Amino acid sequence: MAGRDELVRTHPASPVPPERRAGFAGLRHAPYDAALRFVLPVDPDVEPRRLEVPTATDGVVPFVLAGRLHLPLGDLDVWWLDSYGGGVFVPVKDASAGRATYGGGRYLLDTVKGADLGGSVHDALVVDLNFAYNPSCAYDPAWTCPLAPPGNTLDVDVAAGEFVPPTGSGE
């Protein structure tokens, strides 16, 4: 997590507003829990669906439903970014959203941004809830983010990954 803390604190494209970066003390996250890492096949048996997310800077960002992951905690939709770089996108919103975690949900996989845990099993994804991270809009409302739609909501608390980001000047 130290590497991510450093990126969030210093990178020119950090979602933390520049005036708050010097006081940024780091991200809050749960301890690693190996029981929350899964290698899962993508179930392609889903009804075709399109999700269009309006953004402030990129216009409408389109996603198409590519499949579903069946986790022991519930199912999550797998989306394909249907524009520029393409890529797999799996957001998650669990029962802790709005309390312990960001209210709009977090991201598990976003391969267009390099958030991919790899794997060697054909047609499977490494899904590690310990790496759930906050979208940029969790740090600053100037960002517009695709949030977890209903098919990416879990009815249980997931005490893994990043928690609600620190706020205020004394982060």
N, C-alpha and C. Protein backbone atom coordinates (compact mmCIF):
# COMPACT_ATOMS: atom_id res chain seq x y z
N MET A 1 0.81 -1.19 0.00
CA MET A 1 0.00 0.00 0.00
C MET A 1 0.86 1.27 0.00
N ALA A 2 2.09 1.17 0.41
CA ALA A 2 2.95 2.35 0.45
C ALA A 2 3.12 2.95 -0.94
N GLY A 3 3.21 2.09 -1.96
CA GLY A 3 3.34 2.58 -3.33
C GLY A 3 2.11 3.34 -3.77
N ARG A 4 0.94 2.83 -3.46
CA ARG A 4 -0.31 3.53 -3.81
C ARG A 4 -0.42 4.83 -3.04
N ASP A 5 -0.06 4.82 -1.76
CA ASP A 5 -0.08 6.05 -0.96
C ASP A 5 0.79 7.12 -1.63
N GLU A 6 1.98 6.72 -2.06
CA GLU A 6 2.91 7.67 -2.68
C GLU A 6 2.32 8.22 -3.99
N LEU A 7 1.72 7.35 -4.80
CA LEU A 7 1.09 7.81 -6.04
C LEU A 7 -0.03 8.80 -5.77
N VAL A 8 -0.89 8.46 -4.81
CA VAL A 8 -2.02 9.33 -4.50
C VAL A 8 -1.53 10.67 -3.96
N ARG A 9 -0.45 10.65 -3.22
CA ARG A 9 0.09 11.88 -2.62
C ARG A 9 0.84 12.75 -3.64
N THR A 10 1.54 12.15 -4.61
CA THR A 10 2.47 12.93 -5.43
C THR A 10 2.20 12.96 -6.93
N HIS A 11 1.48 12.02 -7.47
CA HIS A 11 1.30 11.96 -8.92
C HIS A 11 0.52 13.17 -9.43
N PRO A 12 0.94 13.75 -10.56
CA PRO A 12 0.23 14.92 -11.10
C PRO A 12 -1.25 14.65 -11.40
N ALA A 13 -1.61 13.41 -11.70
CA ALA A 13 -3.00 13.08 -11.99
C ALA A 13 -3.72 12.49 -10.78
N SER A 14 -3.18 12.68 -9.58
CA SER A 14 -3.81 12.18 -8.37
C SER A 14 -5.22 12.76 -8.23
N PRO A 15 -6.17 11.96 -7.74
CA PRO A 15 -7.52 12.49 -7.52
C PRO A 15 -7.60 13.42 -6.30
N VAL A 16 -6.59 13.40 -5.44
CA VAL A 16 -6.58 14.30 -4.28
C VAL A 16 -6.24 15.70 -4.80
N PRO A 17 -7.07 16.69 -4.47
CA PRO A 17 -6.78 18.05 -4.94
C PRO A 17 -5.38 18.50 -4.50
N PRO A 18 -4.68 19.23 -5.36
CA PRO A 18 -3.30 19.63 -5.07
C PRO A 18 -3.12 20.30 -3.70
N GLU A 19 -4.08 21.11 -3.29
CA GLU A 19 -3.94 21.82 -2.02
C GLU A 19 -4.05 20.89 -0.80
N ARG A 20 -4.50 19.66 -1.00
CA ARG A 20 -4.61 18.71 0.12
C ARG A 20 -3.53 17.64 0.11
N ARG A 21 -2.70 17.60 -0.93
CA ARG A 21 -1.72 16.51 -1.06
C ARG A 21 -0.63 16.56 0.00
N ALA A 22 -0.14 17.71 0.36
CA ALA A 22 0.95 17.80 1.34
C ALA A 22 0.54 17.20 2.68
N GLY A 23 -0.72 17.34 3.05
CA GLY A 23 -1.20 16.80 4.32
C GLY A 23 -1.77 15.40 4.23
N PHE A 24 -1.66 14.79 3.05
CA PHE A 24 -2.23 13.44 2.87
C PHE A 24 -1.41 12.41 3.64
N ALA A 25 -2.05 11.79 4.63
CA ALA A 25 -1.34 10.86 5.53
C ALA A 25 -1.36 9.42 5.03
N GLY A 26 -2.08 9.15 3.97
CA GLY A 26 -2.13 7.79 3.45
C GLY A 26 -3.54 7.23 3.44
N LEU A 27 -3.70 6.16 2.70
CA LEU A 27 -5.00 5.51 2.55
C LEU A 27 -5.27 4.60 3.75
N ARG A 28 -6.53 4.46 4.06
CA ARG A 28 -6.93 3.52 5.13
C ARG A 28 -7.42 2.25 4.45
N HIS A 29 -6.94 1.11 4.92
CA HIS A 29 -7.34 -0.15 4.29
C HIS A 29 -7.35 -1.27 5.33
N ALA A 30 -8.06 -2.32 4.99
CA ALA A 30 -8.15 -3.50 5.87
C ALA A 30 -6.90 -4.35 5.74
N PRO A 31 -6.59 -5.12 6.77
CA PRO A 31 -5.48 -6.08 6.64
C PRO A 31 -5.83 -7.13 5.57
N TYR A 32 -4.80 -7.67 4.95
CA TYR A 32 -5.01 -8.66 3.89
C TYR A 32 -5.67 -9.92 4.47
N ASP A 33 -6.67 -10.44 3.75
CA ASP A 33 -7.37 -11.66 4.13
C ASP A 33 -7.35 -12.61 2.93
N ALA A 34 -6.53 -13.64 2.98
CA ALA A 34 -6.37 -14.57 1.85
C ALA A 34 -7.68 -15.24 1.45
N ALA A 35 -8.65 -15.32 2.36
CA ALA A 35 -9.94 -15.94 2.05
C ALA A 35 -10.78 -15.09 1.09
N LEU A 36 -10.34 -13.87 0.81
CA LEU A 36 -11.10 -12.98 -0.07
C LEU A 36 -10.45 -12.85 -1.45
N ARG A 37 -9.60 -13.82 -1.81
CA ARG A 37 -9.00 -13.89 -3.14
C ARG A 37 -9.56 -15.10 -3.86
N PHE A 38 -10.04 -14.88 -5.09
CA PHE A 38 -10.66 -15.94 -5.87
C PHE A 38 -10.14 -15.92 -7.30
N VAL A 39 -10.06 -17.09 -7.93
CA VAL A 39 -9.83 -17.20 -9.36
C VAL A 39 -11.12 -17.79 -9.91
N LEU A 40 -11.83 -16.99 -10.69
CA LEU A 40 -13.18 -17.36 -11.09
C LEU A 40 -13.38 -17.27 -12.60
N PRO A 41 -14.08 -18.25 -13.15
CA PRO A 41 -14.43 -18.13 -14.57
C PRO A 41 -15.50 -17.05 -14.74
N VAL A 42 -15.52 -16.44 -15.90
CA VAL A 42 -16.56 -15.47 -16.23
C VAL A 42 -17.70 -16.24 -16.87
N ASP A 43 -18.88 -16.17 -16.26
CA ASP A 43 -20.06 -16.82 -16.80
C ASP A 43 -20.62 -15.92 -17.90
N PRO A 44 -20.54 -16.34 -19.17
CA PRO A 44 -20.98 -15.48 -20.27
C PRO A 44 -22.50 -15.53 -20.51
N ASP A 45 -23.22 -16.34 -19.74
CA ASP A 45 -24.66 -16.52 -19.96
C ASP A 45 -25.44 -15.38 -19.30
N VAL A 46 -25.39 -14.20 -19.95
CA VAL A 46 -26.09 -13.02 -19.44
C VAL A 46 -26.86 -12.37 -20.59
N GLU A 47 -27.92 -11.67 -20.24
CA GLU A 47 -28.68 -10.92 -21.24
C GLU A 47 -27.84 -9.73 -21.68
N PRO A 48 -27.76 -9.46 -22.97
CA PRO A 48 -27.00 -8.29 -23.43
C PRO A 48 -27.55 -7.00 -22.79
N ARG A 49 -26.63 -6.18 -22.34
CA ARG A 49 -27.02 -4.92 -21.72
C ARG A 49 -25.93 -3.90 -21.94
N ARG A 50 -26.32 -2.66 -22.04
CA ARG A 50 -25.38 -1.57 -22.25
C ARG A 50 -25.57 -0.57 -21.12
N LEU A 51 -24.47 -0.03 -20.65
CA LEU A 51 -24.46 0.97 -19.60
C LEU A 51 -23.72 2.18 -20.15
N GLU A 52 -24.35 3.34 -20.13
CA GLU A 52 -23.70 4.55 -20.63
C GLU A 52 -23.55 5.53 -19.48
N VAL A 53 -22.30 5.89 -19.19
CA VAL A 53 -21.99 6.75 -18.06
C VAL A 53 -21.55 8.12 -18.57
N PRO A 54 -22.36 9.17 -18.30
CA PRO A 54 -21.95 10.51 -18.70
C PRO A 54 -20.83 11.00 -17.77
N THR A 55 -19.82 11.63 -18.36
CA THR A 55 -18.72 12.17 -17.57
C THR A 55 -18.51 13.64 -17.92
N ALA A 56 -17.80 14.34 -17.07
CA ALA A 56 -17.55 15.76 -17.28
C ALA A 56 -16.47 15.99 -18.34
N THR A 57 -15.57 15.02 -18.51
CA THR A 57 -14.43 15.24 -19.40
C THR A 57 -14.39 14.32 -20.62
N ASP A 58 -14.93 13.14 -20.52
CA ASP A 58 -14.82 12.16 -21.61
C ASP A 58 -16.12 11.92 -22.36
N GLY A 59 -17.14 12.74 -22.14
CA GLY A 59 -18.43 12.50 -22.76
C GLY A 59 -19.09 11.27 -22.15
N VAL A 60 -19.83 10.53 -22.94
CA VAL A 60 -20.49 9.32 -22.47
C VAL A 60 -19.53 8.15 -22.62
N VAL A 61 -19.31 7.42 -21.54
CA VAL A 61 -18.43 6.26 -21.55
C VAL A 61 -19.32 5.01 -21.58
N PRO A 62 -19.25 4.22 -22.68
CA PRO A 62 -20.12 3.06 -22.82
C PRO A 62 -19.48 1.77 -22.29
N PHE A 63 -20.30 0.95 -21.66
CA PHE A 63 -19.90 -0.38 -21.21
C PHE A 63 -20.94 -1.37 -21.71
N VAL A 64 -20.49 -2.59 -22.02
CA VAL A 64 -21.42 -3.67 -22.34
C VAL A 64 -21.19 -4.80 -21.35
N LEU A 65 -22.27 -5.45 -20.99
CA LEU A 65 -22.19 -6.56 -20.04
C LEU A 65 -21.53 -7.75 -20.72
N ALA A 66 -20.43 -8.21 -20.15
CA ALA A 66 -19.66 -9.30 -20.76
C ALA A 66 -19.91 -10.64 -20.08
N GLY A 67 -20.35 -10.61 -18.83
CA GLY A 67 -20.57 -11.84 -18.10
C GLY A 67 -20.79 -11.58 -16.63
N ARG A 68 -20.68 -12.64 -15.85
CA ARG A 68 -20.93 -12.53 -14.42
C ARG A 68 -19.94 -13.42 -13.67
N LEU A 69 -19.51 -12.93 -12.53
CA LEU A 69 -18.66 -13.70 -11.62
C LEU A 69 -19.53 -14.19 -10.46
N HIS A 70 -19.36 -15.45 -10.12
CA HIS A 70 -20.12 -16.03 -9.01
C HIS A 70 -19.17 -16.21 -7.82
N LEU A 71 -19.12 -15.20 -6.95
CA LEU A 71 -18.30 -15.25 -5.75
C LEU A 71 -19.07 -15.94 -4.64
N PRO A 72 -18.40 -16.49 -3.65
CA PRO A 72 -19.11 -17.04 -2.49
C PRO A 72 -19.95 -15.99 -1.75
N LEU A 73 -19.62 -14.71 -1.94
CA LEU A 73 -20.34 -13.62 -1.26
C LEU A 73 -21.50 -13.08 -2.07
N GLY A 74 -21.62 -13.49 -3.32
CA GLY A 74 -22.66 -13.00 -4.22
C GLY A 74 -22.11 -12.85 -5.62
N ASP A 75 -22.97 -12.48 -6.55
CA ASP A 75 -22.57 -12.35 -7.95
C ASP A 75 -22.20 -10.91 -8.28
N LEU A 76 -21.27 -10.76 -9.23
CA LEU A 76 -20.87 -9.44 -9.72
C LEU A 76 -20.85 -9.46 -11.24
N ASP A 77 -21.40 -8.42 -11.84
CA ASP A 77 -21.35 -8.29 -13.29
C ASP A 77 -19.95 -7.89 -13.75
N VAL A 78 -19.57 -8.40 -14.90
CA VAL A 78 -18.30 -8.06 -15.55
C VAL A 78 -18.65 -7.21 -16.76
N TRP A 79 -18.12 -6.00 -16.80
CA TRP A 79 -18.39 -5.06 -17.88
C TRP A 79 -17.18 -4.93 -18.79
N TRP A 80 -17.45 -4.67 -20.06
CA TRP A 80 -16.39 -4.39 -21.03
C TRP A 80 -16.50 -2.92 -21.42
N LEU A 81 -15.41 -2.19 -21.27
CA LEU A 81 -15.37 -0.79 -21.70
C LEU A 81 -15.41 -0.78 -23.22
N ASP A 82 -16.48 -0.27 -23.77
CA ASP A 82 -16.72 -0.34 -25.21
C ASP A 82 -16.29 0.94 -25.92
N SER A 83 -15.09 1.42 -25.58
CA SER A 83 -14.54 2.61 -26.24
C SER A 83 -13.02 2.56 -26.16
N TYR A 84 -12.39 3.66 -26.42
CA TYR A 84 -10.95 3.81 -26.63
C TYR A 84 -10.10 2.61 -26.32
N GLY A 85 -9.64 2.38 -25.11
CA GLY A 85 -8.72 1.28 -24.82
C GLY A 85 -9.39 -0.06 -24.62
N GLY A 86 -10.71 -0.07 -24.46
CA GLY A 86 -11.38 -1.31 -24.11
C GLY A 86 -10.89 -1.79 -22.75
N GLY A 87 -11.45 -2.84 -22.25
CA GLY A 87 -10.97 -3.40 -21.00
C GLY A 87 -12.08 -3.90 -20.11
N VAL A 88 -11.69 -4.73 -19.16
CA VAL A 88 -12.62 -5.32 -18.19
C VAL A 88 -12.80 -4.35 -17.03
N PHE A 89 -14.04 -4.20 -16.59
CA PHE A 89 -14.37 -3.31 -15.48
C PHE A 89 -15.31 -4.04 -14.53
N VAL A 90 -14.88 -4.18 -13.28
CA VAL A 90 -15.72 -4.82 -12.25
C VAL A 90 -15.73 -3.93 -11.01
N PRO A 91 -16.78 -3.11 -10.87
CA PRO A 91 -16.93 -2.35 -9.63
C PRO A 91 -17.67 -3.20 -8.60
N VAL A 92 -17.64 -2.78 -7.34
CA VAL A 92 -18.38 -3.48 -6.29
C VAL A 92 -18.86 -2.47 -5.27
N LYS A 93 -20.09 -2.65 -4.86
CA LYS A 93 -20.68 -1.87 -3.76
C LYS A 93 -21.21 -2.89 -2.77
N ASP A 94 -20.68 -2.85 -1.56
CA ASP A 94 -21.12 -3.84 -0.57
C ASP A 94 -21.94 -3.14 0.51
N ALA A 95 -22.39 -3.91 1.48
CA ALA A 95 -23.28 -3.38 2.53
C ALA A 95 -22.59 -2.33 3.41
N SER A 96 -21.28 -2.23 3.35
CA SER A 96 -20.58 -1.22 4.15
C SER A 96 -20.51 0.14 3.45
N ALA A 97 -21.00 0.21 2.21
CA ALA A 97 -20.94 1.47 1.43
C ALA A 97 -21.70 2.57 2.15
N GLY A 98 -21.04 3.71 2.27
CA GLY A 98 -21.62 4.85 2.95
C GLY A 98 -21.25 4.90 4.43
N ARG A 99 -20.71 3.82 4.95
CA ARG A 99 -20.25 3.78 6.34
C ARG A 99 -18.73 3.60 6.35
N ALA A 100 -18.28 2.37 6.15
CA ALA A 100 -16.85 2.07 6.19
C ALA A 100 -16.18 2.27 4.84
N THR A 101 -16.95 2.14 3.77
CA THR A 101 -16.39 2.29 2.42
C THR A 101 -17.14 3.38 1.66
N TYR A 102 -16.55 3.81 0.56
CA TYR A 102 -17.13 4.89 -0.23
C TYR A 102 -18.56 4.52 -0.66
N GLY A 103 -19.47 5.46 -0.53
CA GLY A 103 -20.89 5.22 -0.79
C GLY A 103 -21.23 4.78 -2.19
N GLY A 104 -20.45 5.18 -3.17
CA GLY A 104 -20.71 4.80 -4.56
C GLY A 104 -20.11 3.47 -4.95
N GLY A 105 -19.36 2.87 -4.04
CA GLY A 105 -18.70 1.60 -4.33
C GLY A 105 -17.22 1.79 -4.61
N ARG A 106 -16.57 0.68 -4.90
CA ARG A 106 -15.13 0.67 -5.18
C ARG A 106 -14.90 -0.12 -6.45
N TYR A 107 -13.66 -0.13 -6.92
CA TYR A 107 -13.30 -0.87 -8.12
C TYR A 107 -12.47 -2.09 -7.73
N LEU A 108 -12.81 -3.24 -8.34
CA LEU A 108 -12.02 -4.46 -8.17
C LEU A 108 -11.06 -4.62 -9.35
N LEU A 109 -11.59 -4.47 -10.55
CA LEU A 109 -10.79 -4.59 -11.77
C LEU A 109 -11.14 -3.45 -12.71
N ASP A 110 -10.12 -2.85 -13.27
CA ASP A 110 -10.28 -1.82 -14.29
C ASP A 110 -9.04 -1.93 -15.17
N THR A 111 -9.08 -2.86 -16.11
CA THR A 111 -7.88 -3.18 -16.87
C THR A 111 -7.40 -2.06 -17.76
N VAL A 112 -8.28 -1.15 -18.17
CA VAL A 112 -7.83 -0.04 -19.00
C VAL A 112 -6.89 0.86 -18.19
N LYS A 113 -7.01 0.84 -16.86
CA LYS A 113 -6.14 1.64 -16.00
C LYS A 113 -5.04 0.79 -15.37
N GLY A 114 -4.90 -0.43 -15.82
CA GLY A 114 -3.82 -1.27 -15.32
C GLY A 114 -4.15 -2.00 -14.03
N ALA A 115 -5.39 -1.93 -13.55
CA ALA A 115 -5.77 -2.64 -12.32
C ALA A 115 -6.24 -4.04 -12.71
N ASP A 116 -5.27 -4.91 -12.94
CA ASP A 116 -5.52 -6.29 -13.37
C ASP A 116 -4.56 -7.16 -12.58
N LEU A 117 -5.09 -8.16 -11.90
CA LEU A 117 -4.25 -9.02 -11.07
C LEU A 117 -3.67 -10.21 -11.82
N GLY A 118 -3.92 -10.27 -13.12
CA GLY A 118 -3.32 -11.34 -13.92
C GLY A 118 -3.98 -12.68 -13.68
N GLY A 119 -3.23 -13.72 -13.92
CA GLY A 119 -3.75 -15.07 -13.75
C GLY A 119 -3.32 -15.94 -14.90
N SER A 120 -3.37 -17.25 -14.69
CA SER A 120 -2.93 -18.16 -15.73
C SER A 120 -4.03 -19.10 -16.20
N VAL A 121 -5.23 -18.93 -15.65
CA VAL A 121 -6.35 -19.80 -16.04
C VAL A 121 -7.13 -19.12 -17.16
N HIS A 122 -7.29 -19.83 -18.28
CA HIS A 122 -8.02 -19.30 -19.43
C HIS A 122 -9.46 -19.01 -19.03
N ASP A 123 -10.00 -17.90 -19.48
CA ASP A 123 -11.38 -17.49 -19.23
C ASP A 123 -11.71 -17.31 -17.75
N ALA A 124 -10.72 -16.99 -16.93
CA ALA A 124 -10.96 -16.74 -15.51
C ALA A 124 -10.29 -15.43 -15.13
N LEU A 125 -10.80 -14.83 -14.09
CA LEU A 125 -10.23 -13.60 -13.56
C LEU A 125 -9.76 -13.80 -12.13
N VAL A 126 -8.68 -13.16 -11.77
CA VAL A 126 -8.26 -13.12 -10.37
C VAL A 126 -9.04 -11.97 -9.75
N VAL A 127 -9.88 -12.30 -8.80
CA VAL A 127 -10.70 -11.31 -8.10
C VAL A 127 -10.28 -11.33 -6.65
N ASP A 128 -9.58 -10.28 -6.24
CA ASP A 128 -9.08 -10.20 -4.87
C ASP A 128 -9.68 -8.97 -4.23
N LEU A 129 -10.66 -9.20 -3.35
CA LEU A 129 -11.36 -8.09 -2.70
C LEU A 129 -10.44 -7.24 -1.84
N ASN A 130 -9.27 -7.78 -1.48
CA ASN A 130 -8.29 -7.02 -0.71
C ASN A 130 -7.76 -5.83 -1.49
N PHE A 131 -7.89 -5.86 -2.81
CA PHE A 131 -7.40 -4.78 -3.66
C PHE A 131 -8.51 -3.85 -4.14
N ALA A 132 -9.70 -3.95 -3.53
CA ALA A 132 -10.78 -3.02 -3.87
C ALA A 132 -10.30 -1.61 -3.54
N TYR A 133 -10.43 -0.70 -4.49
CA TYR A 133 -9.92 0.65 -4.28
C TYR A 133 -10.97 1.69 -4.65
N ASN A 134 -10.81 2.86 -4.07
CA ASN A 134 -11.77 3.94 -4.28
C ASN A 134 -11.62 4.57 -5.65
N PRO A 135 -12.74 4.91 -6.28
CA PRO A 135 -12.66 5.65 -7.54
C PRO A 135 -12.22 7.09 -7.26
N SER A 136 -11.77 7.77 -8.27
CA SER A 136 -11.27 9.14 -8.12
C SER A 136 -12.30 10.08 -7.51
N CYS A 137 -13.58 9.88 -7.83
CA CYS A 137 -14.62 10.78 -7.32
C CYS A 137 -14.79 10.67 -5.81
N ALA A 138 -14.21 9.66 -5.18
CA ALA A 138 -14.26 9.55 -3.72
C ALA A 138 -13.39 10.61 -3.05
N TYR A 139 -12.44 11.16 -3.79
CA TYR A 139 -11.50 12.14 -3.24
C TYR A 139 -11.87 13.57 -3.58
N ASP A 140 -12.56 13.76 -4.70
CA ASP A 140 -12.85 15.12 -5.15
C ASP A 140 -14.06 15.06 -6.08
N PRO A 141 -15.10 15.86 -5.79
CA PRO A 141 -16.31 15.83 -6.64
C PRO A 141 -16.07 16.36 -8.05
N ALA A 142 -14.90 16.93 -8.32
CA ALA A 142 -14.60 17.38 -9.69
C ALA A 142 -14.49 16.19 -10.65
N TRP A 143 -14.23 14.99 -10.11
CA TRP A 143 -14.12 13.78 -10.92
C TRP A 143 -15.51 13.18 -11.12
N THR A 144 -15.74 12.59 -12.28
CA THR A 144 -16.96 11.84 -12.56
C THR A 144 -16.54 10.40 -12.79
N CYS A 145 -17.13 9.48 -12.03
CA CYS A 145 -16.72 8.08 -12.10
C CYS A 145 -17.90 7.17 -12.40
N PRO A 146 -17.67 6.10 -13.14
CA PRO A 146 -18.70 5.07 -13.23
C PRO A 146 -18.81 4.39 -11.86
N LEU A 147 -20.01 4.32 -11.34
CA LEU A 147 -20.21 3.70 -10.03
C LEU A 147 -20.85 2.33 -10.21
N ALA A 148 -20.89 1.57 -9.14
CA ALA A 148 -21.39 0.20 -9.20
C ALA A 148 -22.90 0.17 -9.47
N PRO A 149 -23.30 -0.41 -10.60
CA PRO A 149 -24.73 -0.56 -10.88
C PRO A 149 -25.31 -1.70 -10.03
N PRO A 150 -26.63 -1.90 -10.05
CA PRO A 150 -27.26 -2.93 -9.20
C PRO A 150 -26.65 -4.33 -9.32
N GLY A 151 -26.20 -4.75 -10.48
CA GLY A 151 -25.60 -6.07 -10.66
C GLY A 151 -24.21 -6.19 -10.06
N ASN A 152 -23.73 -5.13 -9.45
CA ASN A 152 -22.41 -5.14 -8.82
C ASN A 152 -22.52 -4.78 -7.33
N THR A 153 -23.66 -5.16 -6.75
CA THR A 153 -23.92 -4.88 -5.34
C THR A 153 -23.96 -6.19 -4.57
N LEU A 154 -23.21 -6.23 -3.48
CA LEU A 154 -23.22 -7.39 -2.58
C LEU A 154 -23.99 -7.02 -1.32
N ASP A 155 -24.78 -7.94 -0.80
CA ASP A 155 -25.61 -7.69 0.38
C ASP A 155 -24.88 -7.89 1.69
N VAL A 156 -23.59 -8.11 1.64
CA VAL A 156 -22.79 -8.34 2.85
C VAL A 156 -21.71 -7.27 2.96
N ASP A 157 -21.24 -7.02 4.19
CA ASP A 157 -20.10 -6.14 4.40
C ASP A 157 -18.85 -6.83 3.87
N VAL A 158 -18.02 -6.10 3.17
CA VAL A 158 -16.74 -6.62 2.70
C VAL A 158 -15.65 -5.77 3.36
N ALA A 159 -15.11 -6.28 4.46
CA ALA A 159 -14.07 -5.57 5.21
C ALA A 159 -12.72 -5.88 4.57
N ALA A 160 -12.52 -5.35 3.38
CA ALA A 160 -11.29 -5.60 2.62
C ALA A 160 -11.02 -4.40 1.74
N GLY A 161 -9.76 -4.22 1.37
CA GLY A 161 -9.40 -3.13 0.48
C GLY A 161 -9.44 -1.78 1.17
N GLU A 162 -9.61 -0.75 0.34
CA GLU A 162 -9.60 0.61 0.87
C GLU A 162 -10.93 0.96 1.54
N PHE A 163 -10.81 1.70 2.64
CA PHE A 163 -11.98 2.22 3.34
C PHE A 163 -12.28 3.63 2.82
N VAL A 164 -13.26 4.28 3.43
CA VAL A 164 -13.58 5.66 3.07
C VAL A 164 -12.30 6.46 3.09
N PRO A 165 -12.05 7.23 2.04
CA PRO A 165 -10.80 8.00 2.03
C PRO A 165 -10.80 9.08 3.11
N PRO A 166 -9.63 9.39 3.64
CA PRO A 166 -9.54 10.47 4.61
C PRO A 166 -9.93 11.79 3.94
N THR A 167 -10.54 12.68 4.71
CA THR A 167 -10.97 13.96 4.15
C THR A 167 -10.41 15.10 4.98
N GLY A 168 -10.52 16.28 4.43
CA GLY A 168 -10.09 17.47 5.14
C GLY A 168 -8.64 17.78 4.93
N SER A 169 -8.21 18.91 5.45
CA SER A 169 -6.84 19.35 5.22
C SER A 169 -5.81 18.56 6.02
N GLY A 170 -6.24 17.88 7.08
CA GLY A 170 -5.29 17.12 7.88
C GLY A 170 -5.30 15.65 7.57
N GLU A 171 -5.57 15.30 6.33
CA GLU A 171 -5.69 13.89 5.93
C GLU A 171 -4.58 13.08 6.52
